[in-house]
Amino acid sequence: MLKDLRVRAGLKQQDVADALNIGQSTVAMWENGTNNPRSVILPTLARLYRCSVEDLIDAIGEAERRKTGTE
């Protein structure tokens, strides 16, 4: 999940928010599945998390499956 990728990169939600010039609550919403990051943000997010865009997409998909109960 997105939180796992962020934690592995050694970042706090506020670190991500500051780097992207967004609110910490937006990052929290991404992590709890309430909202997803826009596609234009994914390359920057991948650099921050030191992962691939594909890893992010997989994490978002996993969160969607958990939210809908289709694991």
Protein backbone atom coordinates (compact mmCIF):
# COMPACT_ATOMS: atom_id res chain seq x y z
CA MET A 1 0.00 0.00 0.00
CA LEU A 2 1.00 3.61 -0.35
CA LYS A 3 1.77 3.94 3.33
CA ASP A 4 4.19 1.02 3.16
CA LEU A 5 6.05 2.63 0.26
CA ARG A 6 6.24 5.95 2.12
CA VAL A 7 7.48 4.34 5.34
CA ARG A 8 10.10 2.30 3.46
CA ALA A 9 11.38 5.57 2.00
CA GLY A 10 11.72 6.94 5.54
CA LEU A 11 9.20 9.71 5.00
CA LYS A 12 6.40 11.10 7.13
CA GLN A 13 3.11 12.19 5.63
CA GLN A 14 4.12 15.80 6.24
CA ASP A 15 7.40 15.28 4.35
CA VAL A 16 5.44 14.12 1.30
CA ALA A 17 2.94 16.93 1.65
CA ASP A 18 5.71 19.53 1.86
CA ALA A 19 7.54 18.09 -1.17
CA LEU A 20 4.35 18.14 -3.26
CA ASN A 21 3.04 21.42 -1.85
CA ILE A 22 -0.20 19.79 -0.70
CA GLY A 23 -1.86 19.25 2.64
CA GLN A 24 -0.91 16.36 4.92
CA SER A 25 -4.58 15.38 4.97
CA THR A 26 -4.41 14.74 1.22
CA VAL A 27 -1.60 12.24 1.75
CA ALA A 28 -3.63 10.62 4.53
CA MET A 29 -6.62 10.30 2.19
CA TRP A 30 -4.43 8.57 -0.40
CA GLU A 31 -3.24 6.13 2.22
CA ASN A 32 -6.66 5.29 3.60
CA GLY A 33 -8.18 4.90 0.14
CA THR A 34 -10.55 7.86 0.37
CA ASN A 35 -8.86 9.48 -2.62
CA ASN A 36 -6.08 8.65 -5.09
CA PRO A 37 -3.16 10.77 -6.23
CA ARG A 38 -3.60 12.32 -9.66
CA SER A 39 -1.65 10.64 -12.43
CA VAL A 40 0.51 13.73 -13.03
CA ILE A 41 1.84 13.43 -9.45
CA LEU A 42 2.86 9.78 -9.76
CA PRO A 43 6.35 10.33 -11.26
CA THR A 44 7.26 12.79 -8.50
CA LEU A 45 5.76 10.51 -5.86
CA ALA A 46 7.75 7.59 -7.27
CA ARG A 47 10.97 9.60 -6.94
CA LEU A 48 10.10 10.52 -3.35
CA TYR A 49 9.24 6.93 -2.45
CA ARG A 50 12.21 5.55 -4.42
CA CYS A 51 10.01 3.15 -6.34
CA SER A 52 8.53 2.86 -9.81
CA VAL A 53 5.28 4.38 -11.00
CA GLU A 54 4.13 0.79 -11.51
CA ASP A 55 4.73 0.11 -7.80
CA LEU A 56 2.50 3.08 -6.97
CA ILE A 57 -0.21 1.91 -9.34
CA ASP A 58 -0.08 -1.57 -7.79
CA ALA A 59 -0.37 -0.06 -4.30
CA ILE A 60 -3.35 2.07 -5.35
CA GLY A 61 -4.99 -0.96 -6.94
CA GLU A 62 -4.43 -2.99 -3.78
CA ALA A 63 -6.09 -0.26 -1.71
CA GLU A 64 -9.03 -0.19 -4.13
CA ARG A 65 -9.45 -3.96 -3.90
CA ARG A 66 -9.41 -3.83 -0.09
CA LYS A 67 -11.92 -0.99 -0.10
CA THR A 68 -14.33 -2.87 -2.32
CA GLY A 69 -13.64 -6.26 -0.73
CA THR A 70 -12.43 -7.85 -3.95
CA GLU A 71 -9.01 -9.03 -2.78
